Amino acid sequence: MEIGIVSNYFDHVKVAAIKLTKSVKVGDKVRFKGGEIEFEQTIESMQIHGKKVSEGKKGDEIGIKVSQKIRKGYKVSKV
């Protein structure tokens, strides 16, 4: 189930900004897919406007640390 799309990636801190189309919580496992990259990881923490939150809702833009380099436009789905 697709939950959003990567709207930005900050390489120096390895953080992806994700514009959500569905809600997601800390502890959920997500899959990133785009180009030749596809990987899964568990959301360990997330932020909205620099503040830690436990859940992001439809329409929010969240920031999460990612284990691999990704690009704007990659699709994010819940596993």
PDB file of N, CA and C in Angstrom:
ATOM      1  N   MET A   1       0.842  -1.168   0.000  1.00  0.00           N
ATOM      2  CA  MET A   1       0.000   0.000   0.000  1.00  0.00           C
ATOM      3  C   MET A   1       0.895   1.242   0.000  1.00  0.00           C
ATOM      4  N   GLU A   2       0.777   2.047  -1.054  1.00  0.00           N
ATOM      5  CA  GLU A   2       1.580   3.265  -1.141  1.00  0.00           C
ATOM      6  C   GLU A   2       1.106   4.282  -0.102  1.00  0.00           C
ATOM      7  N   ILE A   3       2.092   4.871   0.608  1.00  0.00           N
ATOM      8  CA  ILE A   3       1.746   5.838   1.656  1.00  0.00           C
ATOM      9  C   ILE A   3       2.291   7.229   1.372  1.00  0.00           C
ATOM     10  N   GLY A   4       3.111   7.365   0.325  1.00  0.00           N
ATOM     11  CA  GLY A   4       3.648   8.682   0.026  1.00  0.00           C
ATOM     12  C   GLY A   4       4.744   8.655  -1.015  1.00  0.00           C
ATOM     13  N   ILE A   5       5.345   9.834  -1.186  1.00  0.00           N
ATOM     14  CA  ILE A   5       6.405  10.001  -2.174  1.00  0.00           C
ATOM     15  C   ILE A   5       7.503  10.866  -1.563  1.00  0.00           C
ATOM     16  N   VAL A   6       8.749  10.543  -1.910  1.00  0.00           N
ATOM     17  CA  VAL A   6       9.877  11.317  -1.396  1.00  0.00           C
ATOM     18  C   VAL A   6       9.856  12.693  -2.055  1.00  0.00           C
ATOM     19  N   SER A   7       9.757  13.738  -1.241  1.00  0.00           N
ATOM     20  CA  SER A   7       9.714  15.101  -1.768  1.00  0.00           C
ATOM     21  C   SER A   7      11.092  15.769  -1.729  1.00  0.00           C
ATOM     22  N   ASN A   8      12.002  15.204  -0.934  1.00  0.00           N
ATOM     23  CA  ASN A   8      13.362  15.737  -0.866  1.00  0.00           C
ATOM     24  C   ASN A   8      14.247  14.732  -0.139  1.00  0.00           C
ATOM     25  N   TYR A   9      15.557  14.842  -0.371  1.00  0.00           N
ATOM     26  CA  TYR A   9      16.519  13.995   0.330  1.00  0.00           C
ATOM     27  C   TYR A   9      17.705  14.857   0.724  1.00  0.00           C
ATOM     28  N   PHE A  10      18.085  14.770   1.991  1.00  0.00           N
ATOM     29  CA  PHE A  10      19.190  15.554   2.516  1.00  0.00           C
ATOM     30  C   PHE A  10      20.364  14.625   2.785  1.00  0.00           C
ATOM     31  N   ASP A  11      21.297  14.577   1.823  1.00  0.00           N
ATOM     32  CA  ASP A  11      22.408  13.632   1.846  1.00  0.00           C
ATOM     33  C   ASP A  11      23.308  13.801   3.067  1.00  0.00           C
ATOM     34  N   HIS A  12      23.565  15.029   3.485  1.00  0.00           N
ATOM     35  CA  HIS A  12      24.498  15.268   4.587  1.00  0.00           C
ATOM     36  C   HIS A  12      24.006  14.713   5.925  1.00  0.00           C
ATOM     37  N   VAL A  13      22.700  14.529   6.080  1.00  0.00           N
ATOM     38  CA  VAL A  13      22.152  13.933   7.310  1.00  0.00           C
ATOM     39  C   VAL A  13      21.406  12.618   7.045  1.00  0.00           C
ATOM     40  N   LYS A  14      21.375  12.213   5.761  1.00  0.00           N
ATOM     41  CA  LYS A  14      20.702  10.967   5.348  1.00  0.00           C
ATOM     42  C   LYS A  14      19.244  10.925   5.802  1.00  0.00           C
ATOM     43  N   VAL A  15      18.527  12.012   5.516  1.00  0.00           N
ATOM     44  CA  VAL A  15      17.117  12.136   5.893  1.00  0.00           C
ATOM     45  C   VAL A  15      16.278  12.344   4.634  1.00  0.00           C
ATOM     46  N   ALA A  16      15.164  11.614   4.561  1.00  0.00           N
ATOM     47  CA  ALA A  16      14.211  11.775   3.467  1.00  0.00           C
ATOM     48  C   ALA A  16      12.995  12.534   3.972  1.00  0.00           C
ATOM     49  N   ALA A  17      12.536  13.490   3.172  1.00  0.00           N
ATOM     50  CA  ALA A  17      11.262  14.159   3.427  1.00  0.00           C
ATOM     51  C   ALA A  17      10.219  13.430   2.593  1.00  0.00           C
ATOM     52  N   ILE A  18       9.125  13.035   3.234  1.00  0.00           N
ATOM     53  CA  ILE A  18       8.096  12.251   2.551  1.00  0.00           C
ATOM     54  C   ILE A  18       6.751  12.949   2.687  1.00  0.00           C
ATOM     55  N   LYS A  19       6.114  13.229   1.551  1.00  0.00           N
ATOM     56  CA  LYS A  19       4.768  13.794   1.531  1.00  0.00           C
ATOM     57  C   LYS A  19       3.799  12.624   1.606  1.00  0.00           C
ATOM     58  N   LEU A  20       3.028  12.568   2.694  1.00  0.00           N
ATOM     59  CA  LEU A  20       2.168  11.413   2.954  1.00  0.00           C
ATOM     60  C   LEU A  20       0.808  11.502   2.261  1.00  0.00           C
ATOM     61  N   THR A  21       0.381  10.349   1.719  1.00  0.00           N
ATOM     62  CA  THR A  21      -0.972  10.212   1.177  1.00  0.00           C
ATOM     63  C   THR A  21      -1.813   9.315   2.087  1.00  0.00           C
ATOM     64  N   LYS A  22      -1.157   8.653   3.034  1.00  0.00           N
ATOM     65  CA  LYS A  22      -1.814   7.823   4.054  1.00  0.00           C
ATOM     66  C   LYS A  22      -1.019   7.976   5.342  1.00  0.00           C
ATOM     67  N   SER A  23      -1.599   7.589   6.466  1.00  0.00           N
ATOM     68  CA  SER A  23      -0.904   7.747   7.745  1.00  0.00           C
ATOM     69  C   SER A  23       0.163   6.661   7.947  1.00  0.00           C
ATOM     70  N   VAL A  24       1.144   7.004   8.788  1.00  0.00           N
ATOM     71  CA  VAL A  24       2.238   6.091   9.109  1.00  0.00           C
ATOM     72  C   VAL A  24       2.674   6.378  10.544  1.00  0.00           C
ATOM     73  N   LYS A  25       3.175   5.347  11.230  1.00  0.00           N
ATOM     74  CA  LYS A  25       3.585   5.485  12.628  1.00  0.00           C
ATOM     75  C   LYS A  25       5.016   5.003  12.810  1.00  0.00           C
ATOM     76  N   VAL A  26       5.656   5.496  13.874  1.00  0.00           N
ATOM     77  CA  VAL A  26       6.959   4.972  14.262  1.00  0.00           C
ATOM     78  C   VAL A  26       6.782   3.474  14.532  1.00  0.00           C
ATOM     79  N   GLY A  27       7.695   2.668  14.041  1.00  0.00           N
ATOM     80  CA  GLY A  27       7.602   1.210  14.187  1.00  0.00           C
ATOM     81  C   GLY A  27       7.086   0.514  12.937  1.00  0.00           C
ATOM     82  N   ASP A  28       6.440   1.278  12.039  1.00  0.00           N
ATOM     83  CA  ASP A  28       5.964   0.695  10.781  1.00  0.00           C
ATOM     84  C   ASP A  28       7.152   0.380   9.878  1.00  0.00           C
ATOM     85  N   LYS A  29       7.020  -0.685   9.098  1.00  0.00           N
ATOM     86  CA  LYS A  29       8.047  -1.043   8.122  1.00  0.00           C
ATOM     87  C   LYS A  29       7.612  -0.478   6.772  1.00  0.00           C
ATOM     88  N   VAL A  30       8.536   0.223   6.105  1.00  0.00           N
ATOM     89  CA  VAL A  30       8.230   0.829   4.816  1.00  0.00           C
ATOM     90  C   VAL A  30       9.223   0.386   3.760  1.00  0.00           C
ATOM     91  N   ARG A  31       8.793   0.488   2.494  1.00  0.00           N
ATOM     92  CA  ARG A  31       9.638   0.132   1.352  1.00  0.00           C
ATOM     93  C   ARG A  31       9.806   1.379   0.484  1.00  0.00           C
ATOM     94  N   PHE A  32      11.050   1.645   0.099  1.00  0.00           N
ATOM     95  CA  PHE A  32      11.360   2.736  -0.819  1.00  0.00           C
ATOM     96  C   PHE A  32      11.653   2.124  -2.170  1.00  0.00           C
ATOM     97  N   LYS A  33      11.093   2.711  -3.233  1.00  0.00           N
ATOM     98  CA  LYS A  33      11.316   2.153  -4.568  1.00  0.00           C
ATOM     99  C   LYS A  33      11.423   3.287  -5.584  1.00  0.00           C
ATOM    100  N   GLY A  34      12.494   3.218  -6.381  1.00  0.00           N
ATOM    101  CA  GLY A  34      12.706   4.192  -7.444  1.00  0.00           C
ATOM    102  C   GLY A  34      13.974   3.871  -8.188  1.00  0.00           C
ATOM    103  N   GLY A  35      13.956   4.045  -9.492  1.00  0.00           N
ATOM    104  CA  GLY A  35      15.138   3.706 -10.296  1.00  0.00           C
ATOM    105  C   GLY A  35      15.518   2.259 -10.063  1.00  0.00           C
ATOM    106  N   GLU A  36      16.794   2.015  -9.764  1.00  0.00           N
ATOM    107  CA  GLU A  36      17.259   0.649  -9.493  1.00  0.00           C
ATOM    108  C   GLU A  36      17.288   0.354  -8.001  1.00  0.00           C
ATOM    109  N   ILE A  37      16.841   1.301  -7.189  1.00  0.00           N
ATOM    110  CA  ILE A  37      16.881   1.155  -5.733  1.00  0.00           C
ATOM    111  C   ILE A  37      15.542   0.643  -5.214  1.00  0.00           C
ATOM    112  N   GLU A  38      15.614  -0.351  -4.349  1.00  0.00           N
ATOM    113  CA  GLU A  38      14.434  -0.824  -3.620  1.00  0.00           C
ATOM    114  C   GLU A  38      14.931  -1.443  -2.322  1.00  0.00           C
ATOM    115  N   PHE A  39      14.446  -0.918  -1.198  1.00  0.00           N
ATOM    116  CA  PHE A  39      14.841  -1.476   0.090  1.00  0.00           C
ATOM    117  C   PHE A  39      13.748  -1.202   1.112  1.00  0.00           C
ATOM    118  N   GLU A  40      13.801  -1.982   2.193  1.00  0.00           N
ATOM    119  CA  GLU A  40      12.834  -1.849   3.286  1.00  0.00           C
ATOM    120  C   GLU A  40      13.564  -1.439   4.550  1.00  0.00           C
ATOM    121  N   GLN A  41      12.861  -0.706   5.402  1.00  0.00           N
ATOM    122  CA  GLN A  41      13.389  -0.397   6.723  1.00  0.00           C
ATOM    123  C   GLN A  41      12.239  -0.035   7.647  1.00  0.00           C
ATOM    124  N   THR A  42      12.505  -0.147   8.940  1.00  0.00           N
ATOM    125  CA  THR A  42      11.532   0.213   9.970  1.00  0.00           C
ATOM    126  C   THR A  42      11.748   1.675  10.348  1.00  0.00           C
ATOM    127  N   ILE A  43      10.653   2.403  10.496  1.00  0.00           N
ATOM    128  CA  ILE A  43      10.745   3.807  10.910  1.00  0.00           C
ATOM    129  C   ILE A  43      11.058   3.838  12.398  1.00  0.00           C
ATOM    130  N   GLU A  44      12.253   4.328  12.739  1.00  0.00           N
ATOM    131  CA  GLU A  44      12.677   4.380  14.138  1.00  0.00           C
ATOM    132  C   GLU A  44      12.289   5.698  14.799  1.00  0.00           C
ATOM    133  N   SER A  45      12.215   6.765  14.000  1.00  0.00           N
ATOM    134  CA  SER A  45      11.756   8.062  14.507  1.00  0.00           C
ATOM    135  C   SER A  45      11.353   8.916  13.318  1.00  0.00           C
ATOM    136  N   MET A  46      10.510   9.908  13.574  1.00  0.00           N
ATOM    137  CA  MET A  46      10.115  10.824  12.510  1.00  0.00           C
ATOM    138  C   MET A  46       9.897  12.211  13.082  1.00  0.00           C
ATOM    139  N   GLN A  47      10.005  13.194  12.201  1.00  0.00           N
ATOM    140  CA  GLN A  47       9.819  14.578  12.616  1.00  0.00           C
ATOM    141  C   GLN A  47       8.905  15.293  11.636  1.00  0.00           C
ATOM    142  N   ILE A  48       8.201  16.272  12.160  1.00  0.00           N
ATOM    143  CA  ILE A  48       7.421  17.204  11.339  1.00  0.00           C
ATOM    144  C   ILE A  48       7.846  18.599  11.784  1.00  0.00           C
ATOM    145  N   HIS A  49       8.364  19.391  10.853  1.00  0.00           N
ATOM    146  CA  HIS A  49       8.857  20.747  11.151  1.00  0.00           C
ATOM    147  C   HIS A  49       9.846  20.742  12.318  1.00  0.00           C
ATOM    148  N   GLY A  50      10.741  19.742  12.351  1.00  0.00           N
ATOM    149  CA  GLY A  50      11.789  19.692  13.361  1.00  0.00           C
ATOM    150  C   GLY A  50      11.372  19.161  14.716  1.00  0.00           C
ATOM    151  N   LYS A  51      10.089  18.774  14.872  1.00  0.00           N
ATOM    152  CA  LYS A  51       9.613  18.234  16.156  1.00  0.00           C
ATOM    153  C   LYS A  51       9.348  16.746  16.019  1.00  0.00           C
ATOM    154  N   LYS A  52       9.831  15.969  17.014  1.00  0.00           N
ATOM    155  CA  LYS A  52       9.596  14.524  17.007  1.00  0.00           C
ATOM    156  C   LYS A  52       8.109  14.240  17.158  1.00  0.00           C
ATOM    157  N   VAL A  53       7.617  13.317  16.340  1.00  0.00           N
ATOM    158  CA  VAL A  53       6.225  12.873  16.417  1.00  0.00           C
ATOM    159  C   VAL A  53       6.202  11.354  16.323  1.00  0.00           C
ATOM    160  N   SER A  54       5.107  10.745  16.761  1.00  0.00           N
ATOM    161  CA  SER A  54       4.990   9.285  16.688  1.00  0.00           C
ATOM    162  C   SER A  54       4.144   8.841  15.505  1.00  0.00           C
ATOM    163  N   GLU A  55       3.451   9.803  14.870  1.00  0.00           N
ATOM    164  CA  GLU A  55       2.574   9.456  13.754  1.00  0.00           C
ATOM    165  C   GLU A  55       2.497  10.618  12.774  1.00  0.00           C
ATOM    166  N   GLY A  56       2.436  10.284  11.488  1.00  0.00           N
ATOM    167  CA  GLY A  56       2.204  11.270  10.443  1.00  0.00           C
ATOM    168  C   GLY A  56       0.897  10.921   9.757  1.00  0.00           C
ATOM    169  N   LYS A  57       0.116  11.929   9.436  1.00  0.00           N
ATOM    170  CA  LYS A  57      -1.191  11.718   8.804  1.00  0.00           C
ATOM    171  C   LYS A  57      -1.172  12.179   7.355  1.00  0.00           C
ATOM    172  N   LYS A  58      -2.190  11.765   6.608  1.00  0.00           N
ATOM    173  CA  LYS A  58      -2.344  12.157   5.209  1.00  0.00           C
ATOM    174  C   LYS A  58      -2.186  13.675   5.083  1.00  0.00           C
ATOM    175  N   GLY A  59      -1.340  14.102   4.160  1.00  0.00           N
ATOM    176  CA  GLY A  59      -1.106  15.527   3.935  1.00  0.00           C
ATOM    177  C   GLY A  59       0.117  16.068   4.656  1.00  0.00           C
ATOM    178  N   ASP A  60       0.592  15.355   5.698  1.00  0.00           N
ATOM    179  CA  ASP A  60       1.797  15.779   6.418  1.00  0.00           C
ATOM    180  C   ASP A  60       3.036  15.537   5.562  1.00  0.00           C
ATOM    181  N   GLU A  61       4.084  16.287   5.849  1.00  0.00           N
ATOM    182  CA  GLU A  61       5.393  16.015   5.265  1.00  0.00           C
ATOM    183  C   GLU A  61       6.310  15.667   6.427  1.00  0.00           C
ATOM    184  N   ILE A  62       6.751  14.417   6.450  1.00  0.00           N
ATOM    185  CA  ILE A  62       7.571  13.921   7.556  1.00  0.00           C
ATOM    186  C   ILE A  62       9.019  13.797   7.113  1.00  0.00           C
ATOM    187  N   GLY A  63       9.912  13.807   8.081  1.00  0.00           N
ATOM    188  CA  GLY A  63      11.317  13.540   7.828  1.00  0.00           C
ATOM    189  C   GLY A  63      11.725  12.296   8.585  1.00  0.00           C
ATOM    190  N   ILE A  64      12.368  11.352   7.887  1.00  0.00           N
ATOM    191  CA  ILE A  64      12.876  10.148   8.555  1.00  0.00           C
ATOM    192  C   ILE A  64      14.288   9.865   8.060  1.00  0.00           C
ATOM    193  N   LYS A  65      15.091   9.288   8.948  1.00  0.00           N
ATOM    194  CA  LYS A  65      16.453   8.883   8.598  1.00  0.00           C
ATOM    195  C   LYS A  65      16.347   7.606   7.765  1.00  0.00           C
ATOM    196  N   VAL A  66      17.131   7.554   6.681  1.00  0.00           N
ATOM    197  CA  VAL A  66      17.099   6.374   5.812  1.00  0.00           C
ATOM    198  C   VAL A  66      18.486   5.754   5.713  1.00  0.00           C
ATOM    199  N   SER A  67      18.513   4.453   5.447  1.00  0.00           N
ATOM    200  CA  SER A  67      19.775   3.713   5.441  1.00  0.00           C
ATOM    201  C   SER A  67      20.513   3.776   4.107  1.00  0.00           C
ATOM    202  N   GLN A  68      19.814   4.186   3.041  1.00  0.00           N
ATOM    203  CA  GLN A  68      20.447   4.266   1.727  1.00  0.00           C
ATOM    204  C   GLN A  68      20.114   5.604   1.073  1.00  0.00           C
ATOM    205  N   LYS A  69      20.951   5.989   0.124  1.00  0.00           N
ATOM    206  CA  LYS A  69      20.715   7.231  -0.613  1.00  0.00           C
ATOM    207  C   LYS A  69      19.515   7.041  -1.544  1.00  0.00           C
ATOM    208  N   ILE A  70      18.593   7.984  -1.489  1.00  0.00           N
ATOM    209  CA  ILE A  70      17.415   7.918  -2.356  1.00  0.00           C
ATOM    210  C   ILE A  70      17.245   9.268  -3.048  1.00  0.00           C
ATOM    211  N   ARG A  71      16.245   9.354  -3.913  1.00  0.00           N
ATOM    212  CA  ARG A  71      16.033  10.595  -4.665  1.00  0.00           C
ATOM    213  C   ARG A  71      14.582  11.043  -4.582  1.00  0.00           C
ATOM    214  N   LYS A  72      14.401  12.311  -4.875  1.00  0.00           N
ATOM    215  CA  LYS A  72      13.072  12.890  -4.957  1.00  0.00           C
ATOM    216  C   LYS A  72      12.244  12.103  -5.976  1.00  0.00           C
ATOM    217  N   GLY A  73      10.999  11.825  -5.638  1.00  0.00           N
ATOM    218  CA  GLY A  73      10.112  11.101  -6.553  1.00  0.00           C
ATOM    219  C   GLY A  73       9.993   9.610  -6.275  1.00  0.00           C
ATOM    220  N   TYR A  74      10.862   9.061  -5.421  1.00  0.00           N
ATOM    221  CA  TYR A  74      10.753   7.642  -5.084  1.00  0.00           C
ATOM    222  C   TYR A  74       9.438   7.384  -4.359  1.00  0.00           C
ATOM    223  N   LYS A  75       8.859   6.241  -4.624  1.00  0.00           N
ATOM    224  CA  LYS A  75       7.599   5.872  -3.979  1.00  0.00           C
ATOM    225  C   LYS A  75       7.877   5.193  -2.632  1.00  0.00           C
ATOM    226  N   VAL A  76       6.994   5.453  -1.671  1.00  0.00           N
ATOM    227  CA  VAL A  76       7.124   4.871  -0.339  1.00  0.00           C
ATOM    228  C   VAL A  76       5.840   4.091  -0.057  1.00  0.00           C
ATOM    229  N   SER A  77       5.982   2.832   0.342  1.00  0.00           N
ATOM    230  CA  SER A  77       4.811   2.027   0.675  1.00  0.00           C
ATOM    231  C   SER A  77       5.011   1.312   1.997  1.00  0.00           C
ATOM    232  N   LYS A  78       3.899   0.992   2.649  1.00  0.00           N
ATOM    233  CA  LYS A  78       3.937   0.270   3.904  1.00  0.00           C
ATOM    234  C   LYS A  78       4.013  -1.215   3.588  1.00  0.00           C
ATOM    235  N   VAL A  79       4.854  -1.932   4.320  1.00  0.00           N
ATOM    236  CA  VAL A  79       5.054  -3.363   4.074  1.00  0.00           C
ATOM    237  C   VAL A  79       4.066  -4.164   4.911  1.00  0.00           C
TER     238      VAL A  79
END
